[in-house]
Protein backbone atom coordinates (compact mmCIF):
# COMPACT_ATOMS: atom_id res chain seq x y z
CA MET A 1 0.00 0.00 0.00
CA SER A 2 3.04 2.31 0.19
CA GLY A 3 2.50 3.67 -3.34
CA SER A 4 -1.18 4.54 -2.94
CA ALA A 5 -2.49 7.89 -1.78
CA ALA A 6 -3.20 8.12 1.92
CA VAL A 7 -6.75 8.53 3.13
CA HIS A 8 -6.72 11.90 4.91
CA VAL A 9 -8.74 11.74 8.13
CA ALA A 10 -9.62 14.58 10.51
CA VAL A 11 -9.61 13.34 14.11
CA GLY A 12 -10.81 15.10 17.26
CA VAL A 13 -9.54 14.60 20.80
CA ILE A 14 -12.55 16.00 22.67
CA ARG A 15 -12.45 16.69 26.41
CA ASP A 16 -15.30 17.45 28.77
CA GLY A 17 -15.09 19.83 31.72
CA ASN A 18 -13.46 17.15 33.86
CA GLY A 19 -10.74 16.33 31.36
CA ASN A 20 -12.34 13.08 30.20
CA ILE A 21 -11.85 12.16 26.53
CA LEU A 22 -14.64 11.06 24.19
CA LEU A 23 -14.27 7.70 22.43
CA THR A 24 -16.52 6.01 19.89
CA GLN A 25 -16.53 2.42 18.68
CA ARG A 26 -16.13 1.57 15.00
CA ALA A 27 -18.96 -0.37 13.37
CA LYS A 28 -18.23 -4.08 12.95
CA HIS A 29 -18.44 -3.97 9.13
CA THR A 30 -15.90 -1.12 8.71
CA HIS A 31 -12.10 -1.12 8.47
CA GLN A 32 -10.74 -1.92 11.96
CA GLY A 33 -14.34 -2.67 12.97
CA GLY A 34 -15.14 -3.13 16.65
CA LEU A 35 -12.15 -1.13 17.86
CA TRP A 36 -12.40 2.14 19.76
CA GLU A 37 -11.24 5.42 18.26
CA PHE A 38 -11.20 9.17 18.62
CA PRO A 39 -14.14 10.56 16.59
CA GLY A 40 -13.61 11.96 13.11
CA GLY A 41 -13.70 11.05 9.45
CA LYS A 42 -12.36 11.46 5.93
CA LEU A 43 -11.93 14.83 4.29
CA GLU A 44 -14.25 15.46 1.37
CA ALA A 45 -13.06 17.07 -1.87
CA HIS A 46 -11.92 20.70 -1.45
CA GLU A 47 -12.45 20.51 2.34
CA THR A 48 -9.86 21.81 4.81
CA VAL A 49 -8.97 19.76 7.87
CA THR A 50 -10.81 22.08 10.24
CA GLN A 51 -13.89 22.11 7.99
CA ALA A 52 -13.89 18.31 7.93
CA LEU A 53 -13.37 18.16 11.69
CA ARG A 54 -16.37 20.40 12.35
CA ARG A 55 -18.59 18.51 9.89
CA GLU A 56 -17.62 15.04 11.09
CA LEU A 57 -18.01 15.81 14.79
CA GLN A 58 -21.39 17.43 14.17
CA GLU A 59 -22.58 14.41 12.16
CA GLU A 60 -21.04 11.75 14.39
CA VAL A 61 -21.43 13.02 17.96
CA GLY A 62 -23.64 16.09 17.61
CA ILE A 63 -21.27 18.79 18.87
CA THR A 64 -20.26 22.07 17.28
CA VAL A 65 -16.54 22.75 17.46
CA GLN A 66 -15.80 26.30 18.61
CA THR A 67 -12.01 26.13 18.91
CA ALA A 68 -9.41 23.45 18.21
CA LYS A 69 -5.63 23.25 18.00
CA PRO A 70 -3.31 20.78 16.24
CA LEU A 71 -2.16 17.83 18.33
CA ILE A 72 -0.29 15.33 16.12
CA LYS A 73 -0.21 13.87 12.60
CA ILE A 74 0.10 10.12 12.09
CA ASN A 75 1.11 8.46 8.81
CA HIS A 76 0.38 4.74 8.99
CA CYS A 77 0.25 1.87 6.51
CA TYR A 78 -2.13 -1.00 7.22
CA PRO A 79 -1.89 -4.05 4.93
CA ASP A 80 -4.93 -2.82 3.01
CA LEU A 81 -4.95 0.93 3.60
CA ARG A 82 -2.68 3.94 4.10
CA VAL A 83 -3.98 6.70 6.37
CA LEU A 84 -2.97 10.20 7.39
CA LEU A 85 -4.58 10.98 10.73
CA ASP A 86 -4.71 14.75 11.20
CA VAL A 87 -5.43 15.01 14.92
CA TRP A 88 -6.77 18.15 16.59
CA GLN A 89 -7.49 18.81 20.23
CA VAL A 90 -10.96 20.29 20.61
CA THR A 91 -10.60 22.93 23.31
CA ASP A 92 -14.15 24.33 23.20
CA PHE A 93 -17.43 23.04 21.80
CA SER A 94 -21.16 23.58 22.15
CA GLY A 95 -23.89 20.99 22.38
CA VAL A 96 -24.11 17.69 24.23
CA ALA A 97 -22.24 14.72 22.79
CA GLU A 98 -24.49 11.88 21.64
CA ALA A 99 -24.11 8.80 19.47
CA CYS A 100 -25.77 10.19 16.34
CA GLU A 101 -24.97 7.10 14.25
CA GLY A 102 -25.97 4.53 16.88
CA GLN A 103 -22.36 3.73 17.74
CA ALA A 104 -21.12 2.92 21.23
CA MET A 105 -19.70 6.03 22.91
CA GLN A 106 -17.79 6.55 26.15
CA TRP A 107 -16.15 9.37 28.13
CA VAL A 108 -12.84 8.05 29.44
CA GLU A 109 -10.18 9.36 31.82
CA PRO A 110 -6.83 9.78 30.00
CA ARG A 111 -5.14 7.24 32.29
CA GLN A 112 -7.78 4.64 31.32
CA LEU A 113 -7.27 4.88 27.56
CA SER A 114 -4.93 1.88 27.62
CA ASP A 115 -7.85 -0.27 28.80
CA TYR A 116 -9.51 0.09 25.38
CA ALA A 117 -8.60 -1.65 22.11
CA PHE A 118 -7.60 0.89 19.43
CA PRO A 119 -6.32 0.62 15.86
CA VAL A 120 -2.51 0.55 15.89
CA ALA A 121 -2.33 3.99 14.26
CA ASN A 122 -4.09 5.50 17.28
CA VAL A 123 -1.40 4.57 19.81
CA PRO A 124 0.67 7.79 19.40
CA ILE A 125 -2.55 9.79 19.74
CA ILE A 126 -3.13 8.24 23.16
CA THR A 127 0.37 9.31 24.20
CA ALA A 128 -0.04 12.83 22.82
CA SER A 129 -3.39 13.24 24.58
CA ARG A 130 -1.76 12.40 27.93
CA LEU A 131 1.12 14.83 27.49
CA PRO A 132 1.05 18.55 28.30
CA ASP A 133 2.11 21.20 25.79
CA ARG A 134 4.87 22.48 28.13
CA TYR A 135 7.90 20.47 29.23
CA ALA A 136 10.26 22.33 31.54
CA ILE A 137 13.95 21.54 31.98
CA LEU A 138 15.09 22.07 35.56
CA GLU A 139 18.77 22.68 36.18
CA GLY A 140 21.10 24.92 38.18
CA SER A 141 24.72 25.35 39.22
CA SER A 142 23.93 24.88 42.93
CA ALA A 143 21.32 23.15 45.06
CA LYS A 144 19.93 26.53 46.05
CA GLN A 145 19.53 27.60 42.43
CA VAL A 146 17.88 24.33 41.41
CA LEU A 147 15.28 24.65 44.16
CA ALA A 148 14.72 28.34 43.42
CA ASN A 149 14.17 27.53 39.74
CA LEU A 150 11.73 24.82 40.75
CA GLU A 151 9.64 27.34 42.67
CA ARG A 152 9.43 29.51 39.57
CA ILE A 153 8.41 26.52 37.46
CA ILE A 154 5.73 25.56 39.98
CA ASN A 155 4.33 29.08 39.74
CA LYS A 156 4.01 28.58 35.96
CA ARG A 157 1.67 25.60 36.61
CA ILE A 158 3.92 23.19 34.77
CA THR A 159 2.83 19.54 35.01
CA MET A 160 5.93 17.79 33.61
CA LEU A 161 9.65 18.51 33.82
CA GLN A 162 13.04 16.99 33.14
CA LEU A 163 15.54 17.15 36.01
CA ARG A 164 18.98 17.74 34.53
CA ILE A 165 21.82 18.41 36.99
CA LYS A 166 25.37 18.28 35.68
CA SER A 167 27.65 20.28 37.95
CA LEU A 168 26.95 19.19 41.55
CA PRO A 169 28.87 16.60 43.61
CA ALA A 170 27.23 13.17 43.68
CA ALA A 171 26.02 13.34 47.29
CA GLU A 172 24.56 16.81 46.79
CA THR A 173 22.94 15.76 43.52
CA ALA A 174 21.15 12.87 45.23
CA ALA A 175 19.86 15.14 48.00
CA VAL A 176 18.61 17.72 45.51
CA CYS A 177 16.88 15.02 43.45
CA HIS A 178 15.01 13.74 46.51
CA ALA A 179 13.97 17.30 47.42
CA VAL A 180 12.79 18.04 43.87
CA LEU A 181 10.83 14.79 43.62
CA ALA A 182 9.10 15.36 46.95
CA ASN A 183 8.18 18.93 46.03
CA CYS A 184 6.94 17.94 42.57
CA ARG A 185 4.84 15.10 43.96
CA GLN A 186 3.18 17.58 46.29
CA HIS A 187 2.30 19.83 43.33
CA GLY A 188 1.27 17.12 40.87
CA ILE A 189 4.29 17.54 38.60
CA GLN A 190 5.68 14.50 36.77
CA VAL A 191 9.49 14.27 36.80
CA LEU A 192 11.75 12.61 34.24
CA LEU A 193 15.39 12.15 35.27
CA ASN A 194 18.05 12.91 32.68
CA SER A 195 20.03 9.77 31.82
CA ASP A 196 23.31 11.53 32.69
CA LEU A 197 22.33 11.63 36.38
CA LEU A 198 23.34 7.97 36.81
CA LEU A 199 21.19 7.60 39.91
CA THR A 200 19.07 4.55 40.67
CA GLY A 201 16.20 3.89 43.02
CA LEU A 202 14.66 7.35 42.77
CA PRO A 203 10.84 7.41 42.54
CA ALA A 204 10.73 9.39 39.31
CA ASP A 205 8.01 9.18 36.66
CA GLY A 206 10.36 8.60 33.78
CA LEU A 207 13.73 8.73 32.07
CA HIS A 208 14.95 11.36 29.62
CA LEU A 209 17.66 9.97 27.34
CA SER A 210 20.43 12.22 26.08
CA SER A 211 21.05 11.78 22.34
CA ARG A 212 24.14 9.73 23.18
CA ALA A 213 22.20 7.46 25.52
CA LEU A 214 19.39 7.19 22.97
CA LEU A 215 21.67 5.87 20.24
CA ALA A 216 23.12 3.33 22.67
CA CYS A 217 19.63 1.87 23.27
CA GLN A 218 18.26 -0.89 21.07
CA THR A 219 15.05 -1.24 23.07
CA LYS A 220 12.98 1.05 25.26
CA PRO A 221 14.45 1.26 28.79
CA SER A 222 12.22 -0.09 31.55
CA PRO A 223 10.45 0.15 33.89
CA TYR A 224 9.38 3.76 33.43
CA ARG A 225 6.03 5.41 32.91
CA TRP A 226 7.66 7.81 30.44
CA VAL A 227 10.76 7.51 28.28
CA ALA A 228 11.78 10.64 26.37
CA ALA A 229 14.74 11.35 24.11
CA SER A 230 16.79 14.38 23.06
CA CYS A 231 17.11 14.56 19.27
CA HIS A 232 18.84 16.87 16.81
CA ASN A 233 18.21 15.23 13.44
CA LEU A 234 16.03 12.73 11.58
CA GLN A 235 18.27 9.77 12.43
CA GLU A 236 17.82 10.36 16.15
CA LEU A 237 14.08 10.99 15.83
CA ARG A 238 13.60 7.74 13.93
CA HIS A 239 15.70 5.84 16.44
CA ALA A 240 13.57 7.24 19.27
CA GLU A 241 10.46 6.07 17.42
CA ASN A 242 11.94 2.65 16.65
CA ILE A 243 12.83 1.85 20.27
CA GLY A 244 9.37 2.93 21.40
CA ALA A 245 10.19 6.20 23.18
CA ASP A 246 7.04 7.99 24.30
CA PHE A 247 8.15 11.38 23.03
CA ALA A 248 11.15 13.32 21.77
CA VAL A 249 12.59 16.79 22.23
CA LEU A 250 14.00 18.32 19.03
CA ALA A 251 16.63 21.07 19.28
CA PRO A 252 17.76 23.69 18.63
CA ILE A 253 14.92 25.32 16.72
CA LEU A 254 16.14 28.93 17.00
CA PRO A 255 19.49 30.46 18.05
CA THR A 256 20.09 30.16 21.77
CA ALA A 257 22.55 31.78 24.16
CA THR A 258 23.24 28.48 25.95
CA HIS A 259 24.50 26.85 22.72
CA PRO A 260 25.73 29.74 20.53
CA ASP A 261 27.72 27.47 18.19
CA ALA A 262 24.83 25.11 17.43
CA GLN A 263 23.23 25.50 14.01
CA PRO A 264 19.50 26.16 14.54
CA LEU A 265 17.09 24.01 12.56
CA GLY A 266 14.58 26.77 11.89
CA TRP A 267 10.82 26.47 11.57
CA GLU A 268 10.66 24.85 8.14
CA THR A 269 13.18 22.10 8.90
CA MET A 270 11.57 21.45 12.27
CA ALA A 271 8.19 20.90 10.62
CA LYS A 272 9.67 18.60 7.95
CA LEU A 273 11.46 16.46 10.53
CA ILE A 274 8.44 16.11 12.80
CA ASP A 275 6.29 15.18 9.81
CA GLN A 276 8.46 12.09 9.19
CA VAL A 277 7.90 10.39 12.55
CA ASN A 278 4.84 9.17 14.43
CA LEU A 279 5.57 10.28 17.96
CA PRO A 280 4.98 13.49 19.92
CA VAL A 281 7.90 15.93 19.59
CA PHE A 282 8.54 18.97 21.77
CA ALA A 283 10.42 21.92 20.27
CA LEU A 284 13.40 23.31 22.21
CA GLY A 285 15.82 26.17 21.76
CA GLY A 286 15.31 29.93 21.65
CA LEU A 287 11.54 29.68 22.06
CA GLU A 288 9.18 31.68 24.25
CA LEU A 289 5.65 30.80 25.33
CA ASP A 290 4.39 33.37 22.81
CA ASP A 291 5.65 30.97 20.11
CA MET A 292 3.23 28.23 21.20
CA ASP A 293 0.68 28.69 18.41
CA ARG A 294 3.38 28.58 15.72
CA VAL A 295 5.00 25.56 17.37
CA LEU A 296 1.71 23.62 17.42
CA HIS A 297 0.90 24.45 13.81
CA ALA A 298 4.39 23.24 12.83
CA GLY A 299 3.42 19.81 14.16
CA ALA A 300 5.06 19.83 17.60
CA GLN A 301 3.49 18.66 20.85
CA GLY A 302 4.51 21.91 22.50
CA ILE A 303 7.49 23.80 23.89
CA ALA A 304 10.34 22.44 26.00
CA GLY A 305 12.60 24.95 27.64
CA ILE A 306 14.68 26.27 30.48
CA SER A 307 14.45 30.06 30.53
CA ALA A 308 10.99 30.07 28.91
CA PHE A 309 9.52 28.87 32.22
CA LEU A 310 11.65 30.98 34.55
CA SER A 311 10.68 34.48 33.48
């Protein structure tokens, strides 16, 4: 099926006021029949993605989309069909969701999505729907600075961060890690430890692989709730996808003072690279929160950063 044109499908990740996500079940006689999915459908001729999204969600579940933002694009080849899933997060809608076509329908907590059987192409959508659009990097040259930076990140209402400490003595690093983890747990922040920390037994939520550590992996490290990877090119992004990493961080997008000699990828290259993999990718390097809309429309999951969350 690799030579045939992909079926372009608009997909909606719809949340209610409690953060639950709407699922519908495919009819038995259809492709991937009986499996659960995020509502949506094929684009008609001369239709834009957002036009198709509004039409399909009105026809299928009876809601009117008010606002939506890009979440992820998935290119997938089944034995009998090639699809391009153009996934949007519906952030506001009117009406009450109902099964307009007689299909089974269910509101599901994000953490329960794994309990449902989905088409294979939907798996990265599940991951993207569980991730935030902001991924902070916490570091500092002293224990005091690390903890001060954490307070500033907490005030930004961040829900996920990478702990990356490079310059502290081992004993001090361990103490700081325990303090950060305890503080983050209290504030509902998920913590991924950078692979360079070389610490074991810490109750973190995940592991963030440096690009060097990523390329040394042939399988996804375990046991972690999240495994992320730092990437700078297509080779690293594809390797992250191949080992089953949950998400990647692509850098640098724009010039940055912390890495003045690094050649920035720029917006166009960033979008082209992200378009070639089926996993959520955060953009890092020289970005501010005001860039979020452009980052999302370029295909990224959101913004990763250091200074962006400290101002």
